[in-house]
PDB file of N, CA and C in Angstrom:
ATOM      1  N   MET A   1      -7.333 -20.582 -32.273  1.00  0.00           N
ATOM      2  CA  MET A   1      -6.849 -21.404 -31.173  1.00  0.00           C
ATOM      3  C   MET A   1      -5.401 -21.054 -30.819  1.00  0.00           C
ATOM      4  N   GLN A   2      -4.646 -20.651 -31.813  1.00  0.00           N
ATOM      5  CA  GLN A   2      -3.265 -20.266 -31.570  1.00  0.00           C
ATOM      6  C   GLN A   2      -3.214 -19.031 -30.669  1.00  0.00           C
ATOM      7  N   GLU A   3      -4.227 -18.146 -30.815  1.00  0.00           N
ATOM      8  CA  GLU A   3      -4.314 -16.964 -29.983  1.00  0.00           C
ATOM      9  C   GLU A   3      -4.438 -17.327 -28.507  1.00  0.00           C
ATOM     10  N   VAL A   4      -5.258 -18.306 -28.192  1.00  0.00           N
ATOM     11  CA  VAL A   4      -5.462 -18.743 -26.815  1.00  0.00           C
ATOM     12  C   VAL A   4      -4.150 -19.238 -26.225  1.00  0.00           C
ATOM     13  N   GLY A   5      -3.392 -20.006 -26.999  1.00  0.00           N
ATOM     14  CA  GLY A   5      -2.106 -20.515 -26.522  1.00  0.00           C
ATOM     15  C   GLY A   5      -1.121 -19.408 -26.223  1.00  0.00           C
ATOM     16  N   ARG A   6      -1.202 -18.323 -26.976  1.00  0.00           N
ATOM     17  CA  ARG A   6      -0.298 -17.199 -26.780  1.00  0.00           C
ATOM     18  C   ARG A   6      -0.742 -16.311 -25.612  1.00  0.00           C
ATOM     19  N   VAL A   7      -2.028 -16.153 -25.438  1.00  0.00           N
ATOM     20  CA  VAL A   7      -2.567 -15.251 -24.425  1.00  0.00           C
ATOM     21  C   VAL A   7      -2.590 -15.885 -23.042  1.00  0.00           C
ATOM     22  N   LYS A   8      -2.772 -17.191 -22.977  1.00  0.00           N
ATOM     23  CA  LYS A   8      -2.887 -17.857 -21.673  1.00  0.00           C
ATOM     24  C   LYS A   8      -1.694 -17.576 -20.756  1.00  0.00           C
ATOM     25  N   PRO A   9      -0.447 -17.686 -21.242  1.00  0.00           N
ATOM     26  CA  PRO A   9       0.681 -17.349 -20.352  1.00  0.00           C
ATOM     27  C   PRO A   9       0.643 -15.889 -19.898  1.00  0.00           C
ATOM     28  N   LEU A  10       0.174 -14.992 -20.759  1.00  0.00           N
ATOM     29  CA  LEU A  10       0.055 -13.590 -20.373  1.00  0.00           C
ATOM     30  C   LEU A  10      -0.962 -13.418 -19.250  1.00  0.00           C
ATOM     31  N   LEU A  11      -2.058 -14.151 -19.322  1.00  0.00           N
ATOM     32  CA  LEU A  11      -3.065 -14.101 -18.264  1.00  0.00           C
ATOM     33  C   LEU A  11      -2.486 -14.574 -16.940  1.00  0.00           C
ATOM     34  N   VAL A  12      -1.733 -15.641 -16.986  1.00  0.00           N
ATOM     35  CA  VAL A  12      -1.126 -16.179 -15.764  1.00  0.00           C
ATOM     36  C   VAL A  12      -0.207 -15.130 -15.137  1.00  0.00           C
ATOM     37  N   VAL A  13       0.584 -14.455 -15.944  1.00  0.00           N
ATOM     38  CA  VAL A  13       1.497 -13.426 -15.442  1.00  0.00           C
ATOM     39  C   VAL A  13       0.704 -12.261 -14.864  1.00  0.00           C
ATOM     40  N   GLN A  14      -0.352 -11.834 -15.550  1.00  0.00           N
ATOM     41  CA  GLN A  14      -1.165 -10.722 -15.060  1.00  0.00           C
ATOM     42  C   GLN A  14      -1.822 -11.048 -13.726  1.00  0.00           C
ATOM     43  N   VAL A  15      -2.347 -12.249 -13.601  1.00  0.00           N
ATOM     44  CA  VAL A  15      -2.986 -12.661 -12.349  1.00  0.00           C
ATOM     45  C   VAL A  15      -1.952 -12.702 -11.229  1.00  0.00           C
ATOM     46  N   ARG A  16      -0.794 -13.267 -11.506  1.00  0.00           N
ATOM     47  CA  ARG A  16       0.274 -13.342 -10.500  1.00  0.00           C
ATOM     48  C   ARG A  16       0.690 -11.936 -10.058  1.00  0.00           C
ATOM     49  N   ASN A  17       0.868 -11.024 -11.016  1.00  0.00           N
ATOM     50  CA  ASN A  17       1.247  -9.652 -10.687  1.00  0.00           C
ATOM     51  C   ASN A  17       0.164  -8.962  -9.861  1.00  0.00           C
ATOM     52  N   ALA A  18      -1.075  -9.133 -10.254  1.00  0.00           N
ATOM     53  CA  ALA A  18      -2.175  -8.497  -9.533  1.00  0.00           C
ATOM     54  C   ALA A  18      -2.271  -9.020  -8.111  1.00  0.00           C
ATOM     55  N   ASN A  19      -2.047 -10.294  -7.908  1.00  0.00           N
ATOM     56  CA  ASN A  19      -2.124 -10.864  -6.569  1.00  0.00           C
ATOM     57  C   ASN A  19      -0.993 -10.375  -5.669  1.00  0.00           C
ATOM     58  N   ASN A  20       0.126  -9.979  -6.255  1.00  0.00           N
ATOM     59  CA  ASN A  20       1.260  -9.510  -5.472  1.00  0.00           C
ATOM     60  C   ASN A  20       1.152  -8.041  -5.091  1.00  0.00           C
ATOM     61  N   VAL A  21       0.219  -7.333  -5.686  1.00  0.00           N
ATOM     62  CA  VAL A  21       0.089  -5.900  -5.457  1.00  0.00           C
ATOM     63  C   VAL A  21      -1.047  -5.649  -4.472  1.00  0.00           C
ATOM     64  N   CYS A  22      -0.782  -4.853  -3.470  1.00  0.00           N
ATOM     65  CA  CYS A  22      -1.805  -4.389  -2.523  1.00  0.00           C
ATOM     66  C   CYS A  22      -2.516  -5.509  -1.786  1.00  0.00           C
ATOM     67  N   ASP A  23      -1.914  -6.664  -1.703  1.00  0.00           N
ATOM     68  CA  ASP A  23      -2.451  -7.757  -0.903  1.00  0.00           C
ATOM     69  C   ASP A  23      -3.910  -8.073  -1.238  1.00  0.00           C
ATOM     70  N   VAL A  24      -4.188  -8.225  -2.535  1.00  0.00           N
ATOM     71  CA  VAL A  24      -5.531  -8.584  -2.984  1.00  0.00           C
ATOM     72  C   VAL A  24      -5.455  -9.878  -3.766  1.00  0.00           C
ATOM     73  N   SER A  25      -6.586 -10.468  -3.959  1.00  0.00           N
ATOM     74  CA  SER A  25      -6.646 -11.707  -4.720  1.00  0.00           C
ATOM     75  C   SER A  25      -7.462 -11.487  -5.981  1.00  0.00           C
ATOM     76  N   VAL A  26      -6.860 -11.787  -7.092  1.00  0.00           N
ATOM     77  CA  VAL A  26      -7.519 -11.679  -8.383  1.00  0.00           C
ATOM     78  C   VAL A  26      -7.478 -13.056  -9.017  1.00  0.00           C
ATOM     79  N   THR A  27      -8.594 -13.485  -9.562  1.00  0.00           N
ATOM     80  CA  THR A  27      -8.627 -14.782 -10.217  1.00  0.00           C
ATOM     81  C   THR A  27      -8.865 -14.597 -11.704  1.00  0.00           C
ATOM     82  N   ALA A  28      -8.495 -15.585 -12.450  1.00  0.00           N
ATOM     83  CA  ALA A  28      -8.670 -15.538 -13.899  1.00  0.00           C
ATOM     84  C   ALA A  28      -9.733 -16.536 -14.322  1.00  0.00           C
ATOM     85  N   GLN A  29     -10.810 -16.579 -13.575  1.00  0.00           N
ATOM     86  CA  GLN A  29     -11.903 -17.467 -13.926  1.00  0.00           C
ATOM     87  C   GLN A  29     -12.640 -16.892 -15.127  1.00  0.00           C
ATOM     88  N   PRO A  30     -12.998 -17.737 -16.071  1.00  0.00           N
ATOM     89  CA  PRO A  30     -13.701 -17.236 -17.244  1.00  0.00           C
ATOM     90  C   PRO A  30     -15.022 -16.584 -16.849  1.00  0.00           C
ATOM     91  N   SER A  31     -15.275 -15.426 -17.414  1.00  0.00           N
ATOM     92  CA  SER A  31     -16.529 -14.725 -17.189  1.00  0.00           C
ATOM     93  C   SER A  31     -17.429 -14.984 -18.378  1.00  0.00           C
ATOM     94  N   GLU A  32     -18.690 -15.092 -18.092  1.00  0.00           N
ATOM     95  CA  GLU A  32     -19.626 -15.357 -19.176  1.00  0.00           C
ATOM     96  C   GLU A  32     -19.575 -14.238 -20.201  1.00  0.00           C
ATOM     97  N   GLY A  33     -19.496 -14.626 -21.454  1.00  0.00           N
ATOM     98  CA  GLY A  33     -19.556 -13.669 -22.540  1.00  0.00           C
ATOM     99  C   GLY A  33     -18.253 -12.959 -22.846  1.00  0.00           C
ATOM    100  N   LEU A  34     -17.189 -13.209 -22.077  1.00  0.00           N
ATOM    101  CA  LEU A  34     -15.912 -12.553 -22.344  1.00  0.00           C
ATOM    102  C   LEU A  34     -14.966 -13.495 -23.077  1.00  0.00           C
ATOM    103  N   THR A  35     -14.301 -12.951 -24.060  1.00  0.00           N
ATOM    104  CA  THR A  35     -13.272 -13.738 -24.741  1.00  0.00           C
ATOM    105  C   THR A  35     -12.026 -13.710 -23.881  1.00  0.00           C
ATOM    106  N   ILE A  36     -11.101 -14.566 -24.179  1.00  0.00           N
ATOM    107  CA  ILE A  36      -9.851 -14.609 -23.421  1.00  0.00           C
ATOM    108  C   ILE A  36      -9.081 -13.305 -23.591  1.00  0.00           C
ATOM    109  N   LEU A  37      -9.197 -12.679 -24.750  1.00  0.00           N
ATOM    110  CA  LEU A  37      -8.523 -11.400 -24.965  1.00  0.00           C
ATOM    111  C   LEU A  37      -9.158 -10.297 -24.120  1.00  0.00           C
ATOM    112  N   GLN A  38     -10.469 -10.328 -23.977  1.00  0.00           N
ATOM    113  CA  GLN A  38     -11.144  -9.347 -23.137  1.00  0.00           C
ATOM    114  C   GLN A  38     -10.764  -9.548 -21.668  1.00  0.00           C
ATOM    115  N   MET A  39     -10.660 -10.814 -21.267  1.00  0.00           N
ATOM    116  CA  MET A  39     -10.222 -11.105 -19.902  1.00  0.00           C
ATOM    117  C   MET A  39      -8.814 -10.586 -19.668  1.00  0.00           C
ATOM    118  N   GLU A  40      -7.939 -10.805 -20.625  1.00  0.00           N
ATOM    119  CA  GLU A  40      -6.554 -10.365 -20.511  1.00  0.00           C
ATOM    120  C   GLU A  40      -6.493  -8.847 -20.397  1.00  0.00           C
ATOM    121  N   LYS A  41      -7.279  -8.160 -21.203  1.00  0.00           N
ATOM    122  CA  LYS A  41      -7.311  -6.699 -21.158  1.00  0.00           C
ATOM    123  C   LYS A  41      -7.812  -6.217 -19.789  1.00  0.00           C
ATOM    124  N   GLY A  42      -8.856  -6.843 -19.280  1.00  0.00           N
ATOM    125  CA  GLY A  42      -9.388  -6.476 -17.974  1.00  0.00           C
ATOM    126  C   GLY A  42      -8.388  -6.708 -16.855  1.00  0.00           C
ATOM    127  N   LEU A  43      -7.710  -7.860 -16.907  1.00  0.00           N
ATOM    128  CA  LEU A  43      -6.702  -8.163 -15.879  1.00  0.00           C
ATOM    129  C   LEU A  43      -5.517  -7.215 -15.964  1.00  0.00           C
ATOM    130  N   ARG A  44      -5.112  -6.885 -17.175  1.00  0.00           N
ATOM    131  CA  ARG A  44      -3.992  -5.953 -17.353  1.00  0.00           C
ATOM    132  C   ARG A  44      -4.371  -4.579 -16.776  1.00  0.00           C
ATOM    133  N   SER A  45      -5.583  -4.148 -17.043  1.00  0.00           N
ATOM    134  CA  SER A  45      -6.061  -2.866 -16.529  1.00  0.00           C
ATOM    135  C   SER A  45      -6.100  -2.887 -15.001  1.00  0.00           C
ATOM    136  N   ARG A  46      -6.604  -3.979 -14.437  1.00  0.00           N
ATOM    137  CA  ARG A  46      -6.676  -4.116 -12.970  1.00  0.00           C
ATOM    138  C   ARG A  46      -5.279  -4.119 -12.353  1.00  0.00           C
ATOM    139  N   ALA A  47      -4.344  -4.810 -13.002  1.00  0.00           N
ATOM    140  CA  ALA A  47      -2.971  -4.859 -12.496  1.00  0.00           C
ATOM    141  C   ALA A  47      -2.336  -3.471 -12.535  1.00  0.00           C
ATOM    142  N   GLU A  48      -2.599  -2.704 -13.572  1.00  0.00           N
ATOM    143  CA  GLU A  48      -2.058  -1.344 -13.659  1.00  0.00           C
ATOM    144  C   GLU A  48      -2.644  -0.457 -12.564  1.00  0.00           C
ATOM    145  N   THR A  49      -3.948  -0.588 -12.321  1.00  0.00           N
ATOM    146  CA  THR A  49      -4.603   0.180 -11.267  1.00  0.00           C
ATOM    147  C   THR A  49      -4.010  -0.172  -9.909  1.00  0.00           C
ATOM    148  N   LEU A  50      -3.834  -1.469  -9.653  1.00  0.00           N
ATOM    149  CA  LEU A  50      -3.277  -1.907  -8.377  1.00  0.00           C
ATOM    150  C   LEU A  50      -1.824  -1.480  -8.222  1.00  0.00           C
ATOM    151  N   SER A  51      -1.082  -1.489  -9.307  1.00  0.00           N
ATOM    152  CA  SER A  51       0.311  -1.055  -9.257  1.00  0.00           C
ATOM    153  C   SER A  51       0.397   0.429  -8.898  1.00  0.00           C
ATOM    154  N   ALA A  52      -0.490   1.232  -9.464  1.00  0.00           N
ATOM    155  CA  ALA A  52      -0.526   2.660  -9.135  1.00  0.00           C
ATOM    156  C   ALA A  52      -0.892   2.848  -7.660  1.00  0.00           C
ATOM    157  N   GLU A  53      -1.833   2.059  -7.165  1.00  0.00           N
ATOM    158  CA  GLU A  53      -2.225   2.128  -5.752  1.00  0.00           C
ATOM    159  C   GLU A  53      -1.050   1.739  -4.854  1.00  0.00           C
ATOM    160  N   LYS A  54      -0.312   0.727  -5.263  1.00  0.00           N
ATOM    161  CA  LYS A  54       0.859   0.287  -4.496  1.00  0.00           C
ATOM    162  C   LYS A  54       1.872   1.429  -4.387  1.00  0.00           C
ATOM    163  N   GLN A  55       2.175   2.066  -5.515  1.00  0.00           N
ATOM    164  CA  GLN A  55       3.148   3.159  -5.513  1.00  0.00           C
ATOM    165  C   GLN A  55       2.667   4.310  -4.633  1.00  0.00           C
ATOM    166  N   LYS A  56       1.370   4.612  -4.691  1.00  0.00           N
ATOM    167  CA  LYS A  56       0.800   5.682  -3.872  1.00  0.00           C
ATOM    168  C   LYS A  56       0.945   5.362  -2.387  1.00  0.00           C
ATOM    169  N   ARG A  57       0.604   4.138  -2.005  1.00  0.00           N
ATOM    170  CA  ARG A  57       0.698   3.753  -0.586  1.00  0.00           C
ATOM    171  C   ARG A  57       2.141   3.739  -0.105  1.00  0.00           C
ATOM    172  N   LEU A  58       3.057   3.263  -0.936  1.00  0.00           N
ATOM    173  CA  LEU A  58       4.467   3.230  -0.537  1.00  0.00           C
ATOM    174  C   LEU A  58       5.003   4.643  -0.341  1.00  0.00           C
ATOM    175  N   GLU A  59       4.590   5.578  -1.190  1.00  0.00           N
ATOM    176  CA  GLU A  59       5.019   6.965  -1.048  1.00  0.00           C
ATOM    177  C   GLU A  59       4.414   7.573   0.221  1.00  0.00           C
ATOM    178  N   GLN A  60       3.149   7.289   0.480  1.00  0.00           N
ATOM    179  CA  GLN A  60       2.514   7.781   1.704  1.00  0.00           C
ATOM    180  C   GLN A  60       3.237   7.225   2.926  1.00  0.00           C
ATOM    181  N   LEU A  61       3.568   5.939   2.887  1.00  0.00           N
ATOM    182  CA  LEU A  61       4.279   5.317   4.002  1.00  0.00           C
ATOM    183  C   LEU A  61       5.638   5.975   4.208  1.00  0.00           C
ATOM    184  N   ARG A  62       6.362   6.200   3.126  1.00  0.00           N
ATOM    185  CA  ARG A  62       7.686   6.815   3.216  1.00  0.00           C
ATOM    186  C   ARG A  62       7.591   8.199   3.867  1.00  0.00           C
ATOM    187  N   GLN A  63       6.632   9.003   3.420  1.00  0.00           N
ATOM    188  CA  GLN A  63       6.484  10.351   3.963  1.00  0.00           C
ATOM    189  C   GLN A  63       6.093  10.316   5.441  1.00  0.00           C
ATOM    190  N   ARG A  64       5.179   9.433   5.768  1.00  0.00           N
ATOM    191  CA  ARG A  64       4.712   9.356   7.162  1.00  0.00           C
ATOM    192  C   ARG A  64       5.810   8.844   8.086  1.00  0.00           C
ATOM    193  N   LEU A  65       6.570   7.856   7.625  1.00  0.00           N
ATOM    194  CA  LEU A  65       7.660   7.333   8.453  1.00  0.00           C
ATOM    195  C   LEU A  65       8.734   8.388   8.669  1.00  0.00           C
ATOM    196  N   GLU A  66       8.963   9.213   7.671  1.00  0.00           N
ATOM    197  CA  GLU A  66       9.935  10.304   7.800  1.00  0.00           C
ATOM    198  C   GLU A  66       9.465  11.299   8.875  1.00  0.00           C
ATOM    199  N   THR A  67       8.186  11.645   8.834  1.00  0.00           N
ATOM    200  CA  THR A  67       7.606  12.543   9.843  1.00  0.00           C
ATOM    201  C   THR A  67       7.692  11.912  11.224  1.00  0.00           C
ATOM    202  N   ASP A  68       7.329  10.638  11.296  1.00  0.00           N
ATOM    203  CA  ASP A  68       7.356   9.904  12.567  1.00  0.00           C
ATOM    204  C   ASP A  68       8.772   9.872  13.140  1.00  0.00           C
ATOM    205  N   GLU A  69       9.745   9.630  12.286  1.00  0.00           N
ATOM    206  CA  GLU A  69      11.139   9.553  12.720  1.00  0.00           C
ATOM    207  C   GLU A  69      11.600  10.877  13.326  1.00  0.00           C
ATOM    208  N   LYS A  70      11.248  11.980  12.675  1.00  0.00           N
ATOM    209  CA  LYS A  70      11.636  13.304  13.178  1.00  0.00           C
ATOM    210  C   LYS A  70      10.974  13.602  14.524  1.00  0.00           C
ATOM    211  N   LEU A  71       9.690  13.303  14.611  1.00  0.00           N
ATOM    212  CA  LEU A  71       8.981  13.549  15.871  1.00  0.00           C
ATOM    213  C   LEU A  71       9.550  12.680  16.991  1.00  0.00           C
ATOM    214  N   CYS A  72       9.799  11.417  16.700  1.00  0.00           N
ATOM    215  CA  CYS A  72      10.333  10.509  17.722  1.00  0.00           C
ATOM    216  C   CYS A  72      11.721  10.943  18.180  1.00  0.00           C
ATOM    217  N   ALA A  73      12.526  11.415  17.231  1.00  0.00           N
ATOM    218  CA  ALA A  73      13.866  11.880  17.590  1.00  0.00           C
ATOM    219  C   ALA A  73      13.786  13.091  18.517  1.00  0.00           C
ATOM    220  N   SER A  74      12.865  13.997  18.249  1.00  0.00           N
ATOM    221  CA  SER A  74      12.766  15.197  19.088  1.00  0.00           C
ATOM    222  C   SER A  74      12.134  14.901  20.450  1.00  0.00           C
ATOM    223  N   LEU A  75      11.305  13.860  20.522  1.00  0.00           N
ATOM    224  CA  LEU A  75      10.648  13.512  21.788  1.00  0.00           C
ATOM    225  C   LEU A  75      11.364  12.392  22.541  1.00  0.00           C
ATOM    226  N   GLY A  76      12.325  11.750  21.887  1.00  0.00           N
ATOM    227  CA  GLY A  76      13.043  10.651  22.524  1.00  0.00           C
ATOM    228  C   GLY A  76      12.188   9.409  22.695  1.00  0.00           C
ATOM    229  N   THR A  77      11.330   9.143  21.745  1.00  0.00           N
ATOM    230  CA  THR A  77      10.459   7.965  21.808  1.00  0.00           C
ATOM    231  C   THR A  77      10.776   7.012  20.664  1.00  0.00           C
ATOM    232  N   GLU A  78      10.189   5.838  20.767  1.00  0.00           N
ATOM    233  CA  GLU A  78      10.395   4.819  19.735  1.00  0.00           C
ATOM    234  C   GLU A  78       9.524   5.120  18.520  1.00  0.00           C
ATOM    235  N   PRO A  79      10.086   4.926  17.318  1.00  0.00           N
ATOM    236  CA  PRO A  79       9.284   5.127  16.107  1.00  0.00           C
ATOM    237  C   PRO A  79       8.220   4.041  15.937  1.00  0.00           C
ATOM    238  N   PHE A  80       7.253   4.341  15.117  1.00  0.00           N
ATOM    239  CA  PHE A  80       6.161   3.424  14.804  1.00  0.00           C
ATOM    240  C   PHE A  80       6.732   2.175  14.154  1.00  0.00           C
ATOM    241  N   HIS A  81       6.249   1.012  14.568  1.00  0.00           N
ATOM    242  CA  HIS A  81       6.742  -0.251  14.018  1.00  0.00           C
ATOM    243  C   HIS A  81       5.891  -0.683  12.827  1.00  0.00           C
ATOM    244  N   VAL A  82       6.550  -0.864  11.694  1.00  0.00           N
ATOM    245  CA  VAL A  82       5.891  -1.414  10.512  1.00  0.00           C
ATOM    246  C   VAL A  82       6.453  -2.820  10.332  1.00  0.00           C
ATOM    247  N   PRO A  83       5.583  -3.833  10.310  1.00  0.00           N
ATOM    248  CA  PRO A  83       6.059  -5.210  10.184  1.00  0.00           C
ATOM    249  C   PRO A  83       6.923  -5.388   8.935  1.00  0.00           C
ATOM    250  N   SER A  84       8.004  -6.124   9.079  1.00  0.00           N
ATOM    251  CA  SER A  84       8.891  -6.346   7.934  1.00  0.00           C
ATOM    252  C   SER A  84       8.219  -7.183   6.856  1.00  0.00           C
ATOM    253  N   SER A  85       7.173  -7.901   7.219  1.00  0.00           N
ATOM    254  CA  SER A  85       6.449  -8.701   6.233  1.00  0.00           C
ATOM    255  C   SER A  85       5.519  -7.834   5.385  1.00  0.00           C
ATOM    256  N   CYS A  86       5.399  -6.574   5.764  1.00  0.00           N
ATOM    257  CA  CYS A  86       4.496  -5.656   5.069  1.00  0.00           C
ATOM    258  C   CYS A  86       5.170  -5.114   3.813  1.00  0.00           C
ATOM    259  N   VAL A  87       4.799  -5.660   2.664  1.00  0.00           N
ATOM    260  CA  VAL A  87       5.349  -5.189   1.400  1.00  0.00           C
ATOM    261  C   VAL A  87       4.633  -3.910   0.986  1.00  0.00           C
ATOM    262  N   VAL A  88       3.324  -3.935   1.073  1.00  0.00           N
ATOM    263  CA  VAL A  88       2.497  -2.770   0.767  1.00  0.00           C
ATOM    264  C   VAL A  88       1.589  -2.547   1.973  1.00  0.00           C
ATOM    265  N   PRO A  89       1.637  -1.351   2.565  1.00  0.00           N
ATOM    266  CA  PRO A  89       0.811  -1.116   3.751  1.00  0.00           C
ATOM    267  C   PRO A  89      -0.672  -1.093   3.402  1.00  0.00           C
ATOM    268  N   THR A  90      -1.475  -1.595   4.311  1.00  0.00           N
ATOM    269  CA  THR A  90      -2.928  -1.539   4.138  1.00  0.00           C
ATOM    270  C   THR A  90      -3.402  -0.140   4.500  1.00  0.00           C
ATOM    271  N   GLU A  91      -4.626   0.159   4.128  1.00  0.00           N
ATOM    272  CA  GLU A  91      -5.210   1.448   4.502  1.00  0.00           C
ATOM    273  C   GLU A  91      -5.258   1.566   6.022  1.00  0.00           C
ATOM    274  N   GLN A  92      -5.537   0.462   6.708  1.00  0.00           N
ATOM    275  CA  GLN A  92      -5.602   0.479   8.167  1.00  0.00           C
ATOM    276  C   GLN A  92      -4.231   0.769   8.779  1.00  0.00           C
ATOM    277  N   GLN A  93      -3.173   0.187   8.222  1.00  0.00           N
ATOM    278  CA  GLN A  93      -1.833   0.456   8.736  1.00  0.00           C
ATOM    279  C   GLN A  93      -1.472   1.934   8.557  1.00  0.00           C
ATOM    280  N   LEU A  94      -1.834   2.509   7.420  1.00  0.00           N
ATOM    281  CA  LEU A  94      -1.573   3.931   7.207  1.00  0.00           C
ATOM    282  C   LEU A  94      -2.382   4.784   8.189  1.00  0.00           C
ATOM    283  N   ALA A  95      -3.624   4.393   8.436  1.00  0.00           N
ATOM    284  CA  ALA A  95      -4.467   5.124   9.396  1.00  0.00           C
ATOM    285  C   ALA A  95      -3.877   5.031  10.807  1.00  0.00           C
ATOM    286  N   ASP A  96      -3.386   3.849  11.175  1.00  0.00           N
ATOM    287  CA  ASP A  96      -2.755   3.673  12.490  1.00  0.00           C
ATOM    288  C   ASP A  96      -1.515   4.557  12.619  1.00  0.00           C
ATOM    289  N   LEU A  97      -0.743   4.634  11.558  1.00  0.00           N
ATOM    290  CA  LEU A  97       0.452   5.477  11.564  1.00  0.00           C
ATOM    291  C   LEU A  97       0.055   6.948  11.666  1.00  0.00           C
ATOM    292  N   ASP A  98      -1.005   7.350  10.967  1.00  0.00           N
ATOM    293  CA  ASP A  98      -1.500   8.727  11.073  1.00  0.00           C
ATOM    294  C   ASP A  98      -1.901   9.052  12.508  1.00  0.00           C
ATOM    295  N   GLU A  99      -2.581   8.118  13.144  1.00  0.00           N
ATOM    296  CA  GLU A  99      -3.013   8.315  14.529  1.00  0.00           C
ATOM    297  C   GLU A  99      -1.801   8.455  15.451  1.00  0.00           C
ATOM    298  N   HIS A 100      -0.796   7.616  15.233  1.00  0.00           N
ATOM    299  CA  HIS A 100       0.430   7.668  16.032  1.00  0.00           C
ATOM    300  C   HIS A 100       1.117   9.034  15.863  1.00  0.00           C
ATOM    301  N   ILE A 101       1.199   9.503  14.627  1.00  0.00           N
ATOM    302  CA  ILE A 101       1.831  10.801  14.352  1.00  0.00           C
ATOM    303  C   ILE A 101       1.043  11.920  15.026  1.00  0.00           C
ATOM    304  N   SER A 102      -0.263  11.837  14.957  1.00  0.00           N
ATOM    305  CA  SER A 102      -1.117  12.843  15.598  1.00  0.00           C
ATOM    306  C   SER A 102      -0.874  12.888  17.102  1.00  0.00           C
ATOM    307  N   GLU A 103      -0.742  11.725  17.712  1.00  0.00           N
ATOM    308  CA  GLU A 103      -0.464  11.658  19.149  1.00  0.00           C
ATOM    309  C   GLU A 103       0.899  12.270  19.471  1.00  0.00           C
ATOM    310  N   LEU A 104       1.885  11.989  18.628  1.00  0.00           N
ATOM    311  CA  LEU A 104       3.220  12.559  18.851  1.00  0.00           C
ATOM    312  C   LEU A 104       3.204  14.071  18.697  1.00  0.00           C
ATOM    313  N   GLU A 105       2.459  14.569  17.714  1.00  0.00           N
ATOM    314  CA  GLU A 105       2.371  16.015  17.512  1.00  0.00           C
ATOM    315  C   GLU A 105       1.712  16.684  18.715  1.00  0.00           C
ATOM    316  N   THR A 106       0.680  16.052  19.258  1.00  0.00           N
ATOM    317  CA  THR A 106       0.016  16.579  20.451  1.00  0.00           C
ATOM    318  C   THR A 106       0.990  16.587  21.622  1.00  0.00           C
ATOM    319  N   GLU A 107       1.718  15.500  21.788  1.00  0.00           N
ATOM    320  CA  GLU A 107       2.701  15.403  22.870  1.00  0.00           C
ATOM    321  C   GLU A 107       3.778  16.476  22.734  1.00  0.00           C
ATOM    322  N   LYS A 108       4.200  16.727  21.510  1.00  0.00           N
ATOM    323  CA  LYS A 108       5.232  17.742  21.276  1.00  0.00           C
ATOM    324  C   LYS A 108       4.704  19.130  21.634  1.00  0.00           C
ATOM    325  N   VAL A 109       3.473  19.418  21.267  1.00  0.00           N
ATOM    326  CA  VAL A 109       2.868  20.708  21.600  1.00  0.00           C
ATOM    327  C   VAL A 109       2.771  20.851  23.119  1.00  0.00           C
ATOM    328  N   LEU A 110       2.360  19.783  23.788  1.00  0.00           N
ATOM    329  CA  LEU A 110       2.259  19.829  25.251  1.00  0.00           C
ATOM    330  C   LEU A 110       3.624  20.029  25.887  1.00  0.00           C
ATOM    331  N   ASP A 111       4.654  19.379  25.334  1.00  0.00           N
ATOM    332  CA  ASP A 111       6.012  19.549  25.857  1.00  0.00           C
ATOM    333  C   ASP A 111       6.485  20.987  25.682  1.00  0.00           C
ATOM    334  N   ILE A 112       6.197  21.566  24.542  1.00  0.00           N
ATOM    335  CA  ILE A 112       6.612  22.948  24.270  1.00  0.00           C
ATOM    336  C   ILE A 112       5.887  23.912  25.204  1.00  0.00           C
ATOM    337  N   SER A 113       4.574  23.697  25.378  1.00  0.00           N
ATOM    338  CA  SER A 113       3.822  24.596  26.260  1.00  0.00           C
ATOM    339  C   SER A 113       4.252  24.437  27.711  1.00  0.00           C
ATOM    340  N   CYS A 114       4.645  23.243  28.086  1.00  0.00           N
ATOM    341  CA  CYS A 114       5.121  22.994  29.451  1.00  0.00           C
ATOM    342  C   CYS A 114       6.459  23.704  29.667  1.00  0.00           C
ATOM    343  N   ASP A 115       7.289  23.748  28.626  1.00  0.00           N
ATOM    344  CA  ASP A 115       8.578  24.449  28.726  1.00  0.00           C
ATOM    345  C   ASP A 115       8.376  25.928  29.057  1.00  0.00           C
ATOM    346  N   PHE A 116       7.315  26.496  28.533  1.00  0.00           N
ATOM    347  CA  PHE A 116       7.055  27.918  28.764  1.00  0.00           C
ATOM    348  C   PHE A 116       6.353  28.194  30.093  1.00  0.00           C
ATOM    349  N   THR A 117       5.564  27.229  30.559  1.00  0.00           N
ATOM    350  CA  THR A 117       4.796  27.454  31.786  1.00  0.00           C
ATOM    351  C   THR A 117       5.401  26.793  33.012  1.00  0.00           C
ATOM    352  N   CYS A 118       6.228  25.800  32.837  1.00  0.00           N
ATOM    353  CA  CYS A 118       6.770  25.051  33.980  1.00  0.00           C
ATOM    354  C   CYS A 118       7.996  25.707  34.552  1.00  0.00           C
TER     355      CYS A 118
END
């Protein structure tokens, strides 16, 4: 019983951390047949996975925003807007940014070709 008292606060911290990463919801509801230690191990593993995903998305966002900034500076356009409330970008936000960058790259190619033909 002393083990449960020690592990319960750890579970609460793991659930809180997991919920803050990648905008997902993780609950610590008891699963049939799992001990509290097994639940804690599972939540810790999930939190580590989500933390790695968060770091990956933040790095992707940083790289894409850098590309977007350079393209916008050369074309004289406004950079892609990422909401300030966005702690970790969603897959959809990254896809939208990719689409925006693709459009800017196309526009830049058209501008360059127009310089040669116009």
